[in-house]
């Protein structure tokens, strides 16, 4: 098991992997911390697949209920004959008996969940407004999400990065978990696990949306890296200026 030509100690790799996980993984980390690296990786992969399946099931059910609700409002005889949603049926009893599978709260059902509707309407695009920044060594293009300034929404053009890398699963348009471990060494000598690969939709300052293929999901990153090397392989050209807007 190697990355960037360097051997990776399995115990060290396991610790880096477990320490890079978000707080929501703590129960799982406690249950697998004494296992081998491969066993930890398999457990995390299975957990990620389960989370993705649950998320897909909830979103599919939400879409089905939403479509049913819209259809029931279509008017005419169909409205009179099929104008019942789960919310209306539940209303015959007490609202306290209703339970939302998405936000885990009582008083409403998934089809009318405010949190789910809000998430659906504001699903983040790895959007970018590009401006130029410089340090003593080189110039990079910084990209921050429209309407936000969080570092994990930023994209950095890295001419030394071998691959495109994103720090959050939610940015991916398509996604496939990695079934064998990979690691990436960054310039600060830190090692981070790659857990998935897919495509990310990026919004440029011009408003144009571009799909970046072959993007790795890397745990522990605070910014997203756009690989200049990968871009050059696709016959692209990077232009760096003090007033660069793209």
C-alpha atoms as a PDB file:
ATOM      1  CA  UNK A   1       0.000   0.000   0.000  1.00  0.00           C
ATOM      2  CA  UNK A   2       1.735   3.133  -1.230  1.00  0.00           C
ATOM      3  CA  UNK A   3       0.954   6.731  -2.115  1.00  0.00           C
ATOM      4  CA  UNK A   4       3.234   9.167  -3.929  1.00  0.00           C
ATOM      5  CA  UNK A   5       5.968   6.531  -3.897  1.00  0.00           C
ATOM      6  CA  UNK A   6       6.146   6.328  -0.095  1.00  0.00           C
ATOM      7  CA  UNK A   7       5.318   3.262   2.034  1.00  0.00           C
ATOM      8  CA  UNK A   8       2.422   3.712   4.444  1.00  0.00           C
ATOM      9  CA  UNK A   9       2.478   1.957   7.808  1.00  0.00           C
ATOM     10  CA  UNK A  10      -0.902   0.257   8.289  1.00  0.00           C
ATOM     11  CA  UNK A  11      -1.307   1.241  11.942  1.00  0.00           C
ATOM     12  CA  UNK A  12      -0.396   4.849  11.163  1.00  0.00           C
ATOM     13  CA  UNK A  13      -2.746   4.817   8.179  1.00  0.00           C
ATOM     14  CA  UNK A  14      -5.556   3.436  10.341  1.00  0.00           C
ATOM     15  CA  UNK A  15      -5.107   6.188  12.939  1.00  0.00           C
ATOM     16  CA  UNK A  16      -5.051   8.894  10.256  1.00  0.00           C
ATOM     17  CA  UNK A  17      -8.166   7.423   8.680  1.00  0.00           C
ATOM     18  CA  UNK A  18     -10.141   7.236  11.935  1.00  0.00           C
ATOM     19  CA  UNK A  19      -8.980  10.668  13.125  1.00  0.00           C
ATOM     20  CA  UNK A  20     -10.090  12.263   9.855  1.00  0.00           C
ATOM     21  CA  UNK A  21     -13.703  11.155  10.272  1.00  0.00           C
ATOM     22  CA  UNK A  22     -16.380  13.669  11.378  1.00  0.00           C
ATOM     23  CA  UNK A  23     -17.960  13.483  14.885  1.00  0.00           C
ATOM     24  CA  UNK A  24     -20.996  11.600  13.570  1.00  0.00           C
ATOM     25  CA  UNK A  25     -18.748   8.552  13.072  1.00  0.00           C
ATOM     26  CA  UNK A  26     -17.645   8.360  16.730  1.00  0.00           C
ATOM     27  CA  UNK A  27     -19.801   5.330  17.671  1.00  0.00           C
ATOM     28  CA  UNK A  28     -18.444   3.403  14.700  1.00  0.00           C
ATOM     29  CA  UNK A  29     -14.855   4.490  15.412  1.00  0.00           C
ATOM     30  CA  UNK A  30     -15.103   3.229  18.998  1.00  0.00           C
ATOM     31  CA  UNK A  31     -16.331  -0.148  17.777  1.00  0.00           C
ATOM     32  CA  UNK A  32     -13.587  -0.709  15.174  1.00  0.00           C
ATOM     33  CA  UNK A  33     -10.525   1.101  16.576  1.00  0.00           C
ATOM     34  CA  UNK A  34      -8.884  -2.161  17.695  1.00  0.00           C
ATOM     35  CA  UNK A  35      -9.323  -3.870  14.324  1.00  0.00           C
ATOM     36  CA  UNK A  36      -6.872  -4.045  11.419  1.00  0.00           C
ATOM     37  CA  UNK A  37      -6.702  -1.321   8.801  1.00  0.00           C
ATOM     38  CA  UNK A  38      -8.460  -3.431   6.168  1.00  0.00           C
ATOM     39  CA  UNK A  39     -11.238  -4.358   8.607  1.00  0.00           C
ATOM     40  CA  UNK A  40     -11.692  -0.672   9.491  1.00  0.00           C
ATOM     41  CA  UNK A  41     -11.804   0.259   5.813  1.00  0.00           C
ATOM     42  CA  UNK A  42     -14.394  -2.430   5.045  1.00  0.00           C
ATOM     43  CA  UNK A  43     -16.537  -1.334   8.001  1.00  0.00           C
ATOM     44  CA  UNK A  44     -16.399   2.316   6.904  1.00  0.00           C
ATOM     45  CA  UNK A  45     -17.189   1.377   3.318  1.00  0.00           C
ATOM     46  CA  UNK A  46     -20.205  -0.648   4.425  1.00  0.00           C
ATOM     47  CA  UNK A  47     -21.355   2.187   6.681  1.00  0.00           C
ATOM     48  CA  UNK A  48     -21.024   4.690   3.842  1.00  0.00           C
ATOM     49  CA  UNK A  49     -23.029   2.455   1.508  1.00  0.00           C
ATOM     50  CA  UNK A  50     -25.740   2.151   4.184  1.00  0.00           C
ATOM     51  CA  UNK A  51     -25.845   5.932   4.644  1.00  0.00           C
ATOM     52  CA  UNK A  52     -26.117   6.486   0.899  1.00  0.00           C
ATOM     53  CA  UNK A  53     -28.892   3.899   0.636  1.00  0.00           C
ATOM     54  CA  UNK A  54     -30.833   5.468   3.501  1.00  0.00           C
ATOM     55  CA  UNK A  55     -30.389   8.947   2.003  1.00  0.00           C
ATOM     56  CA  UNK A  56     -31.538   7.758  -1.425  1.00  0.00           C
ATOM     57  CA  UNK A  57     -34.553   5.987   0.101  1.00  0.00           C
ATOM     58  CA  UNK A  58     -35.638   9.074   2.024  1.00  0.00           C
ATOM     59  CA  UNK A  59     -35.239  11.353  -1.005  1.00  0.00           C
ATOM     60  CA  UNK A  60     -37.087   8.891  -3.252  1.00  0.00           C
ATOM     61  CA  UNK A  61     -39.946   8.612  -0.769  1.00  0.00           C
ATOM     62  CA  UNK A  62     -40.049  12.381  -0.440  1.00  0.00           C
ATOM     63  CA  UNK A  63     -40.254  12.800  -4.217  1.00  0.00           C
ATOM     64  CA  UNK A  64     -43.019  10.193  -4.447  1.00  0.00           C
ATOM     65  CA  UNK A  65     -45.069  11.871  -1.731  1.00  0.00           C
ATOM     66  CA  UNK A  66     -44.458  15.288  -3.272  1.00  0.00           C
ATOM     67  CA  UNK A  67     -45.667  14.046  -6.669  1.00  0.00           C
ATOM     68  CA  UNK A  68     -48.719  12.425  -5.075  1.00  0.00           C
ATOM     69  CA  UNK A  69     -49.558  15.626  -3.259  1.00  0.00           C
ATOM     70  CA  UNK A  70     -49.288  17.704  -6.458  1.00  0.00           C
ATOM     71  CA  UNK A  71     -51.410  15.198  -8.332  1.00  0.00           C
ATOM     72  CA  UNK A  72     -54.089  15.384  -5.645  1.00  0.00           C
ATOM     73  CA  UNK A  73     -54.287  19.152  -6.237  1.00  0.00           C
ATOM     74  CA  UNK A  74     -54.816  18.751  -9.966  1.00  0.00           C
ATOM     75  CA  UNK A  75     -58.553  19.428  -9.768  1.00  0.00           C
ATOM     76  CA  UNK A  76     -61.542  17.685 -11.366  1.00  0.00           C
ATOM     77  CA  UNK A  77     -62.756  14.215 -10.515  1.00  0.00           C
ATOM     78  CA  UNK A  78     -59.236  12.971  -9.809  1.00  0.00           C
ATOM     79  CA  UNK A  79     -58.953  15.495  -7.021  1.00  0.00           C
ATOM     80  CA  UNK A  80     -62.196  14.322  -5.437  1.00  0.00           C
ATOM     81  CA  UNK A  81     -61.324  10.654  -5.772  1.00  0.00           C
ATOM     82  CA  UNK A  82     -57.645  10.736  -4.787  1.00  0.00           C
ATOM     83  CA  UNK A  83     -57.259  13.926  -2.805  1.00  0.00           C
ATOM     84  CA  UNK A  84     -55.828  12.194   0.232  1.00  0.00           C
ATOM     85  CA  UNK A  85     -52.210  12.409   1.276  1.00  0.00           C
ATOM     86  CA  UNK A  86     -50.623  10.702   4.261  1.00  0.00           C
ATOM     87  CA  UNK A  87     -50.780  14.027   6.082  1.00  0.00           C
ATOM     88  CA  UNK A  88     -54.566  14.224   5.592  1.00  0.00           C
ATOM     89  CA  UNK A  89     -55.090  10.656   6.693  1.00  0.00           C
ATOM     90  CA  UNK A  90     -53.016  11.283   9.806  1.00  0.00           C
ATOM     91  CA  UNK A  91     -54.966  14.449  10.515  1.00  0.00           C
ATOM     92  CA  UNK A  92     -57.962  12.305  11.394  1.00  0.00           C
ATOM     93  CA  UNK A  93     -56.103  11.510  14.585  1.00  0.00           C
ATOM     94  CA  UNK A  94     -53.735  13.602  16.663  1.00  0.00           C
ATOM     95  CA  UNK A  95     -50.791  15.434  15.077  1.00  0.00           C
ATOM     96  CA  UNK A  96     -48.685  14.174  17.947  1.00  0.00           C
ATOM     97  CA  UNK A  97     -48.928  10.731  16.355  1.00  0.00           C
ATOM     98  CA  UNK A  98     -47.258  11.926  13.153  1.00  0.00           C
ATOM     99  CA  UNK A  99     -43.531  11.260  12.765  1.00  0.00           C
ATOM    100  CA  UNK A 100     -41.109  12.518  10.117  1.00  0.00           C
ATOM    101  CA  UNK A 101     -38.505  10.007   8.965  1.00  0.00           C
ATOM    102  CA  UNK A 102     -36.230  12.794   7.723  1.00  0.00           C
ATOM    103  CA  UNK A 103     -35.820  15.179  10.679  1.00  0.00           C
ATOM    104  CA  UNK A 104     -36.879  12.559  13.279  1.00  0.00           C
ATOM    105  CA  UNK A 105     -39.438  14.907  14.850  1.00  0.00           C
ATOM    106  CA  UNK A 106     -43.125  14.500  15.642  1.00  0.00           C
ATOM    107  CA  UNK A 107     -46.041  16.628  14.481  1.00  0.00           C
ATOM    108  CA  UNK A 108     -45.643  16.246  10.707  1.00  0.00           C
ATOM    109  CA  UNK A 109     -44.741  13.770   7.986  1.00  0.00           C
ATOM    110  CA  UNK A 110     -41.877  13.663   5.524  1.00  0.00           C
ATOM    111  CA  UNK A 111     -43.893  15.226   2.686  1.00  0.00           C
ATOM    112  CA  UNK A 112     -44.373  18.468   4.630  1.00  0.00           C
ATOM    113  CA  UNK A 113     -40.986  18.568   6.382  1.00  0.00           C
ATOM    114  CA  UNK A 114     -39.663  22.127   6.310  1.00  0.00           C
ATOM    115  CA  UNK A 115     -36.046  21.010   6.698  1.00  0.00           C
ATOM    116  CA  UNK A 116     -36.273  18.664   3.719  1.00  0.00           C
ATOM    117  CA  UNK A 117     -37.949  21.285   1.536  1.00  0.00           C
ATOM    118  CA  UNK A 118     -35.276  23.805   2.502  1.00  0.00           C
ATOM    119  CA  UNK A 119     -32.505  21.342   1.694  1.00  0.00           C
ATOM    120  CA  UNK A 120     -34.100  20.498  -1.658  1.00  0.00           C
ATOM    121  CA  UNK A 121     -34.355  24.174  -2.603  1.00  0.00           C
ATOM    122  CA  UNK A 122     -30.831  25.075  -1.485  1.00  0.00           C
ATOM    123  CA  UNK A 123     -28.778  22.021  -2.485  1.00  0.00           C
ATOM    124  CA  UNK A 124     -25.272  23.431  -2.792  1.00  0.00           C
ATOM    125  CA  UNK A 125     -23.456  23.679  -6.073  1.00  0.00           C
ATOM    126  CA  UNK A 126     -19.699  23.716  -5.631  1.00  0.00           C
ATOM    127  CA  UNK A 127     -20.131  27.233  -6.970  1.00  0.00           C
ATOM    128  CA  UNK A 128     -17.267  29.564  -7.601  1.00  0.00           C
ATOM    129  CA  UNK A 129     -16.603  33.250  -7.889  1.00  0.00           C
ATOM    130  CA  UNK A 130     -12.993  33.391  -8.964  1.00  0.00           C
ATOM    131  CA  UNK A 131     -10.458  36.000  -7.941  1.00  0.00           C
ATOM    132  CA  UNK A 132      -6.676  36.030  -7.917  1.00  0.00           C
ATOM    133  CA  UNK A 133      -4.493  35.550  -4.868  1.00  0.00           C
ATOM    134  CA  UNK A 134      -0.733  35.222  -4.530  1.00  0.00           C
ATOM    135  CA  UNK A 135       1.936  34.103  -2.094  1.00  0.00           C
ATOM    136  CA  UNK A 136       5.732  34.281  -2.196  1.00  0.00           C
ATOM    137  CA  UNK A 137       6.011  31.102  -4.266  1.00  0.00           C
ATOM    138  CA  UNK A 138       3.306  31.222  -6.914  1.00  0.00           C
ATOM    139  CA  UNK A 139      -0.140  32.443  -7.848  1.00  0.00           C
ATOM    140  CA  UNK A 140      -3.271  30.404  -7.382  1.00  0.00           C
ATOM    141  CA  UNK A 141      -6.876  30.946  -8.322  1.00  0.00           C
ATOM    142  CA  UNK A 142      -9.189  31.055  -5.314  1.00  0.00           C
ATOM    143  CA  UNK A 143     -12.839  30.161  -5.761  1.00  0.00           C
ATOM    144  CA  UNK A 144     -15.444  30.704  -3.056  1.00  0.00           C
ATOM    145  CA  UNK A 145     -19.098  29.809  -3.080  1.00  0.00           C
ATOM    146  CA  UNK A 146     -21.504  32.575  -3.978  1.00  0.00           C
ATOM    147  CA  UNK A 147     -23.045  33.944  -0.809  1.00  0.00           C
ATOM    148  CA  UNK A 148     -20.602  32.190   1.500  1.00  0.00           C
ATOM    149  CA  UNK A 149     -17.018  32.375   2.678  1.00  0.00           C
ATOM    150  CA  UNK A 150     -16.445  29.020   4.376  1.00  0.00           C
ATOM    151  CA  UNK A 151     -13.090  27.486   3.549  1.00  0.00           C
ATOM    152  CA  UNK A 152     -14.608  24.118   2.677  1.00  0.00           C
ATOM    153  CA  UNK A 153     -16.512  25.844  -0.152  1.00  0.00           C
ATOM    154  CA  UNK A 154     -13.252  27.173  -1.666  1.00  0.00           C
ATOM    155  CA  UNK A 155     -11.517  25.776  -4.713  1.00  0.00           C
ATOM    156  CA  UNK A 156      -7.794  26.209  -5.242  1.00  0.00           C
ATOM    157  CA  UNK A 157      -6.083  25.674  -8.577  1.00  0.00           C
ATOM    158  CA  UNK A 158      -3.071  23.559  -7.619  1.00  0.00           C
ATOM    159  CA  UNK A 159      -0.554  23.038 -10.423  1.00  0.00           C
ATOM    160  CA  UNK A 160       1.205  20.368  -8.359  1.00  0.00           C
ATOM    161  CA  UNK A 161      -1.851  18.253  -7.500  1.00  0.00           C
ATOM    162  CA  UNK A 162      -2.016  14.980  -9.409  1.00  0.00           C
ATOM    163  CA  UNK A 163      -5.823  14.741  -9.148  1.00  0.00           C
ATOM    164  CA  UNK A 164      -8.896  16.889  -8.536  1.00  0.00           C
ATOM    165  CA  UNK A 165      -9.992  16.589  -4.889  1.00  0.00           C
ATOM    166  CA  UNK A 166     -13.155  17.615  -3.034  1.00  0.00           C
ATOM    167  CA  UNK A 167     -13.641  17.690   0.731  1.00  0.00           C
ATOM    168  CA  UNK A 168     -17.397  17.065   0.980  1.00  0.00           C
ATOM    169  CA  UNK A 169     -19.579  14.232  -0.301  1.00  0.00           C
ATOM    170  CA  UNK A 170     -22.504  16.610  -0.917  1.00  0.00           C
ATOM    171  CA  UNK A 171     -20.632  18.395  -3.727  1.00  0.00           C
ATOM    172  CA  UNK A 172     -20.646  15.311  -5.963  1.00  0.00           C
ATOM    173  CA  UNK A 173     -23.083  14.940  -8.838  1.00  0.00           C
ATOM    174  CA  UNK A 174     -22.071  11.306  -9.400  1.00  0.00           C
ATOM    175  CA  UNK A 175     -20.244   9.231  -6.792  1.00  0.00           C
ATOM    176  CA  UNK A 176     -18.724   5.784  -6.350  1.00  0.00           C
ATOM    177  CA  UNK A 177     -17.036   4.601  -3.114  1.00  0.00           C
ATOM    178  CA  UNK A 178     -13.493   3.259  -3.453  1.00  0.00           C
ATOM    179  CA  UNK A 179     -13.259  -0.437  -2.636  1.00  0.00           C
ATOM    180  CA  UNK A 180      -9.505  -0.357  -1.989  1.00  0.00           C
ATOM    181  CA  UNK A 181      -7.673   2.251   0.119  1.00  0.00           C
ATOM    182  CA  UNK A 182      -5.814   5.158  -1.458  1.00  0.00           C
ATOM    183  CA  UNK A 183      -3.940   7.976   0.213  1.00  0.00           C
ATOM    184  CA  UNK A 184      -2.749  11.398  -0.852  1.00  0.00           C
ATOM    185  CA  UNK A 185       0.251  13.315   0.515  1.00  0.00           C
ATOM    186  CA  UNK A 186      -0.186  17.080   0.676  1.00  0.00           C
ATOM    187  CA  UNK A 187       2.442  19.814   0.731  1.00  0.00           C
ATOM    188  CA  UNK A 188       2.257  20.125   4.532  1.00  0.00           C
ATOM    189  CA  UNK A 189       3.302  16.442   4.826  1.00  0.00           C
ATOM    190  CA  UNK A 190      -0.177  15.403   5.975  1.00  0.00           C
ATOM    191  CA  UNK A 191      -1.704  12.164   4.692  1.00  0.00           C
ATOM    192  CA  UNK A 192      -5.408  11.946   3.851  1.00  0.00           C
ATOM    193  CA  UNK A 193      -7.540   8.971   2.766  1.00  0.00           C
ATOM    194  CA  UNK A 194      -9.408   8.972  -0.537  1.00  0.00           C
ATOM    195  CA  UNK A 195     -12.793   7.317  -0.006  1.00  0.00           C
ATOM    196  CA  UNK A 196     -14.674   7.905  -3.257  1.00  0.00           C
ATOM    197  CA  UNK A 197     -14.553   9.249  -6.806  1.00  0.00           C
ATOM    198  CA  UNK A 198     -17.052  10.996  -9.069  1.00  0.00           C
ATOM    199  CA  UNK A 199     -17.989  14.217 -10.839  1.00  0.00           C
ATOM    200  CA  UNK A 200     -18.619  17.697  -9.394  1.00  0.00           C
ATOM    201  CA  UNK A 201     -20.632  20.520 -10.967  1.00  0.00           C
ATOM    202  CA  UNK A 202     -18.868  23.887 -10.587  1.00  0.00           C
ATOM    203  CA  UNK A 203     -20.476  27.272 -11.217  1.00  0.00           C
ATOM    204  CA  UNK A 204     -18.121  29.875 -12.705  1.00  0.00           C
ATOM    205  CA  UNK A 205     -18.298  33.612 -12.076  1.00  0.00           C
ATOM    206  CA  UNK A 206     -19.865  33.986 -15.536  1.00  0.00           C
ATOM    207  CA  UNK A 207     -22.782  31.848 -14.378  1.00  0.00           C
ATOM    208  CA  UNK A 208     -21.742  28.939 -16.589  1.00  0.00           C
ATOM    209  CA  UNK A 209     -21.808  25.476 -15.004  1.00  0.00           C
ATOM    210  CA  UNK A 210     -18.973  23.065 -15.736  1.00  0.00           C
ATOM    211  CA  UNK A 211     -18.703  19.401 -14.769  1.00  0.00           C
ATOM    212  CA  UNK A 212     -15.327  18.259 -13.423  1.00  0.00           C
ATOM    213  CA  UNK A 213     -14.803  14.518 -13.921  1.00  0.00           C
ATOM    214  CA  UNK A 214     -12.579  12.144 -11.944  1.00  0.00           C
ATOM    215  CA  UNK A 215     -12.738  14.066  -8.656  1.00  0.00           C
ATOM    216  CA  UNK A 216     -11.611  12.223  -5.518  1.00  0.00           C
ATOM    217  CA  UNK A 217     -13.463  12.596  -2.218  1.00  0.00           C
ATOM    218  CA  UNK A 218     -10.675  13.177   0.324  1.00  0.00           C
ATOM    219  CA  UNK A 219     -11.343  13.223   4.054  1.00  0.00           C
ATOM    220  CA  UNK A 220      -9.722  15.914   6.171  1.00  0.00           C
ATOM    221  CA  UNK A 221      -9.362  18.590   3.471  1.00  0.00           C
ATOM    222  CA  UNK A 222     -10.450  22.154   4.237  1.00  0.00           C
ATOM    223  CA  UNK A 223     -10.512  23.249   0.588  1.00  0.00           C
ATOM    224  CA  UNK A 224     -11.140  21.638  -2.757  1.00  0.00           C
ATOM    225  CA  UNK A 225      -8.204  21.241  -5.137  1.00  0.00           C
ATOM    226  CA  UNK A 226      -8.445  21.681  -8.904  1.00  0.00           C
ATOM    227  CA  UNK A 227      -5.523  19.827 -10.490  1.00  0.00           C
ATOM    228  CA  UNK A 228      -3.616  21.870 -13.054  1.00  0.00           C
ATOM    229  CA  UNK A 229      -1.931  18.673 -14.241  1.00  0.00           C
ATOM    230  CA  UNK A 230      -5.230  16.921 -14.936  1.00  0.00           C
ATOM    231  CA  UNK A 231      -6.541  20.023 -16.697  1.00  0.00           C
ATOM    232  CA  UNK A 232      -3.407  20.162 -18.877  1.00  0.00           C
ATOM    233  CA  UNK A 233      -3.881  16.492 -19.814  1.00  0.00           C
ATOM    234  CA  UNK A 234      -7.274  17.472 -21.223  1.00  0.00           C
ATOM    235  CA  UNK A 235      -5.505  20.061 -23.428  1.00  0.00           C
ATOM    236  CA  UNK A 236      -6.688  22.915 -21.243  1.00  0.00           C
ATOM    237  CA  UNK A 237      -4.752  26.114 -20.604  1.00  0.00           C
ATOM    238  CA  UNK A 238      -4.526  27.934 -17.283  1.00  0.00           C
ATOM    239  CA  UNK A 239      -3.984  31.697 -17.380  1.00  0.00           C
ATOM    240  CA  UNK A 240      -2.876  33.521 -14.203  1.00  0.00           C
ATOM    241  CA  UNK A 241      -3.323  37.290 -13.994  1.00  0.00           C
ATOM    242  CA  UNK A 242      -3.734  39.774 -11.155  1.00  0.00           C
ATOM    243  CA  UNK A 243      -7.330  40.427 -12.241  1.00  0.00           C
ATOM    244  CA  UNK A 244      -8.249  36.933 -13.357  1.00  0.00           C
ATOM    245  CA  UNK A 245     -11.986  36.279 -13.211  1.00  0.00           C
ATOM    246  CA  UNK A 246     -12.074  32.676 -14.384  1.00  0.00           C
END
